[in-house]
Amino acid sequence: MIQPKPAFLEKMQELMPDKEDFEKYKKIIHTLPPKSIRCNKIKISPKELKQKLEEKWKVSQPFKQYPEIMIIQSELEPGELGKSIEHLLGYYYVQEISSMLPILALKPKPGETLLDLCASPGSKTTQAAAEMQNKGFIHANDKDLGRIIILNSNLERTGITNQIVTKERGEILSKRLADKNIKFDKILLDVPCSGEGTCRSSPKTFIMWNPKMIDKLSRIQLKLAREAIKLLKKQGEVLYSTCTHSPEENELIVNQLLEEFPLEILPISLPLKTRKGITQWKGKQLNKEIEKAVRIYPQDNNTEGFFLCKMRLK
């Protein structure tokens, strides 16, 4: 069992000062999360998919409001979820529940324009397209060719047709689009991060974690967000999200954006337990509105960890 570094635990304890809460966190991070999938509503209804899957697996739908979210409760062979005929046909996407939350919060609608700046491997891109009923327009971008190959494969498998895919560094693409005065109704900024929330499915996070990496990533995140926000239409919405707990990559980024742009933070309603964004860290007082941001901790819902903040351009 890979153990987290002492500095990692110290930081997490500072975020979770309640002793009992922190003990639950330390325990759950060494367990695997539930096996969750998302029905691809473009190709099949949740009801039909559940009927097909129940011929071989035990399937539950934890959220009545979102029947597309399913948990496979049966014991599976390694790779079984990805090898099934239903997966190969694009009927579902293997996706951790917390990863589905950004699109549930952003709520893209048919006919809207959406920029997914860091799109690969496509879990949220395909989810957004399903919510948009394959209508409107999605610009999906990633900077890495290998990741774009995976993105295109997932888009093809799931039958997405309302998108274009580009390969470029996010901040450079944003500047080019801004030069052409291209604006979007909604922007998803699911930015590269230190992955502190993914340690249940990826214990190597414990090995890779270090404060210098967090500092480097926070600079990249701010650069991406600054340029992307310039592409929002007036009253357009941006969803900033990470799969990490680090305030340097979350609330501190949002705080800086609030200082630089006429943004307002919107409340987020999700079908599971959430915690407020923090408004003080390492002696720095942050904008009180950041309480409207959302923190997801693994011990609260038996998921991975996540951070979400939804903002609107005034």
Protein backbone atom coordinates (compact mmCIF):
# COMPACT_ATOMS: atom_id res chain seq x y z
CA MET A 1 0.00 0.00 0.00
CA ILE A 2 1.43 3.37 -1.06
CA GLN A 3 1.48 5.81 1.84
CA PRO A 4 0.98 9.57 1.41
CA LYS A 5 3.82 11.90 2.30
CA PRO A 6 3.66 13.52 5.77
CA ALA A 7 3.43 16.99 4.17
CA PHE A 8 0.44 15.83 2.13
CA LEU A 9 -1.39 14.62 5.24
CA GLU A 10 -0.54 17.81 7.12
CA LYS A 11 -2.10 19.87 4.35
CA MET A 12 -5.22 17.71 4.19
CA GLN A 13 -5.60 17.91 7.96
CA GLU A 14 -5.49 21.68 7.74
CA LEU A 15 -8.38 21.50 5.26
CA MET A 16 -10.22 19.00 7.46
CA PRO A 17 -9.53 20.08 11.06
CA ASP A 18 -12.20 17.87 12.60
CA LYS A 19 -10.37 14.78 13.90
CA GLU A 20 -13.14 12.28 13.14
CA ASP A 21 -13.62 13.71 9.66
CA PHE A 22 -9.91 13.50 8.93
CA GLU A 23 -9.71 9.90 10.15
CA LYS A 24 -12.53 8.97 7.75
CA TYR A 25 -10.60 10.68 4.96
CA LYS A 26 -7.36 8.82 5.77
CA LYS A 27 -9.23 5.54 5.72
CA ILE A 28 -11.19 5.98 2.50
CA ILE A 29 -8.26 7.18 0.37
CA HIS A 30 -6.85 3.65 0.50
CA THR A 31 -10.01 2.10 -0.96
CA LEU A 32 -11.24 1.95 -4.55
CA PRO A 33 -14.23 4.12 -5.52
CA PRO A 34 -17.44 2.50 -6.82
CA LYS A 35 -17.48 1.43 -10.48
CA SER A 36 -19.59 4.12 -12.10
CA ILE A 37 -20.69 4.71 -15.68
CA ARG A 38 -22.72 7.36 -17.49
CA CYS A 39 -25.39 6.39 -19.99
CA ASN A 40 -24.84 8.05 -23.35
CA LYS A 41 -28.31 9.50 -23.89
CA ILE A 42 -27.52 10.26 -27.54
CA LYS A 43 -27.57 6.55 -28.36
CA ILE A 44 -29.77 4.91 -25.72
CA SER A 45 -32.09 5.81 -22.85
CA PRO A 46 -31.02 5.09 -19.26
CA LYS A 47 -33.96 2.70 -18.90
CA GLU A 48 -32.96 0.68 -21.95
CA LEU A 49 -29.31 0.57 -20.96
CA LYS A 50 -30.11 -0.56 -17.44
CA GLN A 51 -32.24 -3.40 -18.80
CA LYS A 52 -29.40 -4.55 -21.05
CA LEU A 53 -26.74 -4.35 -18.35
CA GLU A 54 -28.87 -6.11 -15.75
CA GLU A 55 -28.71 -9.24 -17.88
CA LYS A 56 -25.14 -9.63 -16.63
CA TRP A 57 -24.50 -7.14 -13.80
CA LYS A 58 -26.22 -5.66 -10.78
CA VAL A 59 -26.85 -1.98 -11.57
CA SER A 60 -28.08 0.89 -9.38
CA GLN A 61 -29.05 4.49 -10.18
CA PRO A 62 -28.15 6.55 -7.09
CA PHE A 63 -29.73 9.84 -8.20
CA LYS A 64 -33.36 9.93 -9.33
CA GLN A 65 -32.84 13.30 -11.01
CA TYR A 66 -29.95 11.91 -13.07
CA PRO A 67 -30.87 8.35 -14.17
CA GLU A 68 -27.94 8.34 -16.60
CA ILE A 69 -25.56 7.96 -13.64
CA MET A 70 -25.18 4.28 -12.80
CA ILE A 71 -23.09 2.21 -10.40
CA ILE A 72 -22.09 -1.35 -11.26
CA GLN A 73 -22.33 -3.26 -8.01
CA SER A 74 -21.21 -6.64 -9.35
CA GLU A 75 -17.67 -7.96 -9.04
CA LEU A 76 -15.95 -7.42 -12.39
CA GLU A 77 -12.91 -8.81 -14.12
CA PRO A 78 -10.11 -6.27 -14.82
CA GLY A 79 -11.08 -4.21 -17.87
CA GLU A 80 -14.53 -5.80 -18.11
CA LEU A 81 -16.37 -2.45 -18.20
CA GLY A 82 -14.34 -1.32 -21.19
CA LYS A 83 -14.65 -4.59 -23.10
CA SER A 84 -18.43 -4.99 -23.04
CA ILE A 85 -20.39 -4.74 -26.28
CA GLU A 86 -22.45 -1.88 -24.80
CA HIS A 87 -19.28 0.12 -24.18
CA LEU A 88 -17.86 -0.61 -27.62
CA LEU A 89 -21.16 0.55 -29.16
CA GLY A 90 -20.93 3.82 -27.23
CA TYR A 91 -23.95 3.19 -25.02
CA TYR A 92 -22.06 4.27 -21.94
CA TYR A 93 -18.91 6.05 -20.82
CA VAL A 94 -16.83 4.76 -17.91
CA GLN A 95 -16.65 7.84 -15.69
CA GLU A 96 -16.20 8.48 -11.98
CA ILE A 97 -19.19 10.24 -10.43
CA SER A 98 -17.33 13.35 -9.29
CA SER A 99 -16.03 13.79 -12.84
CA MET A 100 -19.64 14.10 -14.04
CA LEU A 101 -20.38 17.04 -11.74
CA PRO A 102 -18.92 19.93 -13.80
CA ILE A 103 -21.37 19.37 -16.65
CA LEU A 104 -24.26 18.87 -14.20
CA ALA A 105 -23.33 22.27 -12.74
CA LEU A 106 -22.67 24.09 -16.03
CA LYS A 107 -25.91 22.82 -17.63
CA PRO A 108 -25.11 23.31 -21.34
CA LYS A 109 -28.27 23.46 -23.44
CA PRO A 110 -29.16 22.53 -27.03
CA GLY A 111 -28.19 25.33 -29.39
CA GLU A 112 -25.55 26.90 -27.13
CA THR A 113 -21.86 27.30 -27.91
CA LEU A 114 -19.39 25.67 -25.53
CA LEU A 115 -15.62 25.78 -25.26
CA ASP A 116 -13.98 22.79 -23.56
CA LEU A 117 -10.43 24.08 -23.31
CA CYS A 118 -8.72 21.01 -21.82
CA ALA A 119 -11.00 18.34 -23.26
CA SER A 120 -9.16 15.01 -23.45
CA PRO A 121 -9.99 12.19 -22.89
CA GLY A 122 -13.52 13.46 -23.56
CA SER A 123 -15.60 12.38 -20.57
CA LYS A 124 -17.02 15.87 -20.05
CA THR A 125 -17.08 16.72 -23.76
CA THR A 126 -19.27 13.73 -24.54
CA GLN A 127 -21.41 14.43 -21.47
CA ALA A 128 -21.92 18.03 -22.59
CA ALA A 129 -22.86 16.90 -26.10
CA ALA A 130 -25.45 14.53 -24.66
CA GLU A 131 -26.99 17.33 -22.59
CA MET A 132 -27.02 19.51 -25.71
CA GLN A 133 -28.70 16.66 -27.66
CA ASN A 134 -25.91 16.91 -30.23
CA LYS A 135 -27.14 20.41 -31.12
CA GLY A 136 -25.35 23.71 -30.88
CA PHE A 137 -21.55 23.72 -31.05
CA ILE A 138 -18.68 22.41 -28.92
CA HIS A 139 -15.07 23.47 -29.49
CA ALA A 140 -12.97 20.75 -27.83
CA ASN A 141 -9.27 21.47 -27.44
CA ASP A 142 -6.22 19.77 -26.01
CA LYS A 143 -2.52 20.47 -26.38
CA ASP A 144 -1.27 16.88 -26.63
CA LEU A 145 -1.57 14.82 -29.83
CA GLY A 146 -1.70 11.49 -28.01
CA ARG A 147 -4.54 12.72 -25.84
CA ILE A 148 -6.36 14.11 -28.88
CA ILE A 149 -6.26 10.67 -30.51
CA ILE A 150 -8.03 9.30 -27.42
CA LEU A 151 -10.47 12.23 -27.45
CA ASN A 152 -11.38 11.69 -31.10
CA SER A 153 -11.84 7.97 -30.51
CA ASN A 154 -14.28 8.62 -27.66
CA LEU A 155 -16.18 11.26 -29.65
CA GLU A 156 -16.56 8.84 -32.56
CA ARG A 157 -17.59 5.91 -30.35
CA THR A 158 -20.27 7.93 -28.60
CA GLY A 159 -21.68 9.45 -31.80
CA ILE A 160 -20.87 13.11 -31.09
CA THR A 161 -21.35 15.29 -34.19
CA ASN A 162 -21.66 18.87 -32.89
CA GLN A 163 -17.98 19.49 -32.21
CA ILE A 164 -14.64 20.43 -33.71
CA VAL A 165 -11.33 19.38 -32.16
CA THR A 166 -8.16 21.47 -32.10
CA LYS A 167 -4.63 20.84 -30.83
CA GLU A 168 -3.15 23.91 -29.16
CA ARG A 169 -2.04 25.22 -25.81
CA GLY A 170 -5.18 26.55 -24.18
CA GLU A 171 -3.98 30.08 -23.60
CA ILE A 172 -2.70 30.42 -27.17
CA LEU A 173 -5.96 29.13 -28.65
CA SER A 174 -7.91 31.55 -26.46
CA LYS A 175 -5.85 34.48 -27.69
CA ARG A 176 -6.39 33.47 -31.31
CA LEU A 177 -10.13 33.14 -30.84
CA ALA A 178 -10.23 36.49 -29.04
CA ASP A 179 -8.43 38.13 -31.97
CA LYS A 180 -11.28 36.91 -34.19
CA ASN A 181 -13.85 38.16 -31.64
CA ILE A 182 -15.27 34.64 -31.16
CA LYS A 183 -17.39 34.32 -28.01
CA PHE A 184 -19.03 31.40 -26.23
CA ASP A 185 -22.17 30.97 -24.16
CA LYS A 186 -20.37 28.61 -21.81
CA ILE A 187 -16.79 27.59 -21.09
CA LEU A 188 -15.56 24.52 -19.26
CA LEU A 189 -12.20 25.00 -17.57
CA ASP A 190 -11.45 21.53 -16.21
CA VAL A 191 -7.79 22.38 -15.88
CA PRO A 192 -4.69 20.20 -15.36
CA CYS A 193 -4.09 19.83 -11.64
CA SER A 194 -2.12 17.96 -8.97
CA GLY A 195 -4.85 15.32 -8.71
CA GLU A 196 -5.08 15.18 -4.92
CA GLY A 197 -8.68 14.05 -5.29
CA THR A 198 -7.84 11.02 -7.47
CA CYS A 199 -5.68 9.07 -5.02
CA ARG A 200 -8.31 6.35 -4.56
CA SER A 201 -8.13 5.24 -8.19
CA SER A 202 -4.55 6.44 -8.75
CA PRO A 203 -2.37 5.89 -5.64
CA LYS A 204 0.68 7.02 -7.61
CA THR A 205 -0.61 10.53 -6.85
CA PHE A 206 0.91 10.08 -3.39
CA ILE A 207 4.34 9.55 -4.97
CA MET A 208 4.12 12.40 -7.48
CA TRP A 209 2.72 14.96 -5.04
CA ASN A 210 4.97 17.88 -4.06
CA PRO A 211 4.45 21.59 -3.29
CA LYS A 212 6.64 22.74 -6.20
CA MET A 213 4.38 20.94 -8.65
CA ILE A 214 1.35 22.67 -7.13
CA ASP A 215 2.99 26.09 -7.52
CA LYS A 216 3.80 25.35 -11.16
CA LEU A 217 0.31 24.09 -11.91
CA SER A 218 -1.37 27.06 -10.25
CA ARG A 219 0.49 29.41 -12.59
CA ILE A 220 -0.65 27.38 -15.61
CA GLN A 221 -4.24 27.30 -14.33
CA LEU A 222 -4.39 31.05 -13.85
CA LYS A 223 -2.92 31.66 -17.30
CA LEU A 224 -5.52 29.38 -18.90
CA ALA A 225 -8.42 30.93 -16.99
CA ARG A 226 -7.38 34.52 -17.68
CA GLU A 227 -7.36 34.04 -21.43
CA ALA A 228 -10.44 31.82 -21.61
CA ILE A 229 -12.68 34.22 -19.68
CA LYS A 230 -12.07 36.84 -22.38
CA LEU A 231 -14.05 34.55 -24.72
CA LEU A 232 -17.26 34.65 -22.68
CA LYS A 233 -20.32 36.39 -24.04
CA LYS A 234 -21.88 38.92 -21.70
CA GLN A 235 -23.87 36.90 -19.14
CA GLY A 236 -21.93 33.84 -20.32
CA GLU A 237 -20.94 31.23 -17.74
CA VAL A 238 -17.64 29.53 -16.98
CA LEU A 239 -17.20 26.42 -14.86
CA TYR A 240 -13.76 26.15 -13.26
CA SER A 241 -13.01 22.70 -11.89
CA THR A 242 -10.15 20.51 -10.70
CA CYS A 243 -9.79 17.03 -9.24
CA THR A 244 -7.65 18.38 -6.40
CA HIS A 245 -8.18 19.79 -2.91
CA SER A 246 -5.34 22.32 -2.99
CA PRO A 247 -6.60 25.89 -2.36
CA GLU A 248 -3.66 27.20 -4.39
CA GLU A 249 -5.22 25.52 -7.44
CA ASN A 250 -8.82 26.28 -6.51
CA GLU A 251 -10.04 29.17 -4.35
CA LEU A 252 -6.89 31.25 -4.79
CA ILE A 253 -7.26 31.05 -8.59
CA VAL A 254 -10.92 32.06 -8.34
CA ASN A 255 -10.06 34.90 -5.97
CA GLN A 256 -7.57 36.31 -8.49
CA LEU A 257 -10.10 36.04 -11.31
CA LEU A 258 -12.69 37.94 -9.26
CA GLU A 259 -10.17 40.74 -8.80
CA GLU A 260 -9.39 40.96 -12.51
CA PHE A 261 -12.76 40.37 -14.21
CA PRO A 262 -16.41 41.44 -13.66
CA LEU A 263 -17.48 37.97 -12.56
CA GLU A 264 -20.12 36.81 -10.12
CA ILE A 265 -20.09 33.38 -8.52
CA LEU A 266 -23.28 31.40 -9.02
CA PRO A 267 -24.64 28.83 -6.57
CA ILE A 268 -24.27 25.18 -7.57
CA SER A 269 -26.87 22.51 -6.85
CA LEU A 270 -25.65 18.91 -7.01
CA PRO A 271 -27.27 15.61 -6.00
CA LEU A 272 -24.74 14.77 -3.31
CA LYS A 273 -23.14 16.25 -0.22
CA THR A 274 -20.92 19.26 -0.85
CA ARG A 275 -18.88 21.64 1.28
CA LYS A 276 -18.40 25.36 0.86
CA GLY A 277 -15.36 26.88 -0.74
CA ILE A 278 -12.86 28.15 1.81
CA THR A 279 -12.36 31.91 2.23
CA GLN A 280 -9.14 31.92 4.22
CA TRP A 281 -5.88 30.09 3.59
CA LYS A 282 -2.38 30.52 5.02
CA GLY A 283 -3.32 33.90 6.51
CA LYS A 284 -4.80 35.23 3.25
CA GLN A 285 -8.42 36.39 3.37
CA LEU A 286 -10.35 35.61 0.19
CA ASN A 287 -13.52 37.01 -1.32
CA LYS A 288 -16.50 35.96 0.81
CA GLU A 289 -18.44 34.99 -2.34
CA ILE A 290 -16.08 32.04 -2.83
CA GLU A 291 -18.16 30.20 -0.23
CA LYS A 292 -20.52 29.51 -3.15
CA ALA A 293 -17.84 27.30 -4.72
CA VAL A 294 -18.14 23.59 -4.02
CA ARG A 295 -15.72 21.10 -2.47
CA ILE A 296 -16.27 17.37 -2.83
CA TYR A 297 -14.49 15.14 -0.31
CA PRO A 298 -14.27 11.36 -0.83
CA GLN A 299 -15.54 10.47 2.66
CA ASP A 300 -18.77 12.44 2.16
CA ASN A 301 -20.16 10.50 -0.82
CA ASN A 302 -17.78 7.58 -1.44
CA THR A 303 -16.43 9.32 -4.56
CA GLU A 304 -13.17 10.90 -5.63
CA GLY A 305 -12.41 14.49 -4.58
CA PHE A 306 -13.29 17.54 -6.69
CA PHE A 307 -13.61 21.33 -6.72
CA LEU A 308 -16.11 23.35 -8.75
CA CYS A 309 -16.85 27.05 -9.12
CA LYS A 310 -19.42 28.45 -11.53
CA MET A 311 -19.09 32.09 -12.56
CA ARG A 312 -21.02 34.46 -14.82
CA LEU A 313 -19.63 37.45 -16.71
CA LYS A 314 -21.56 40.55 -15.71
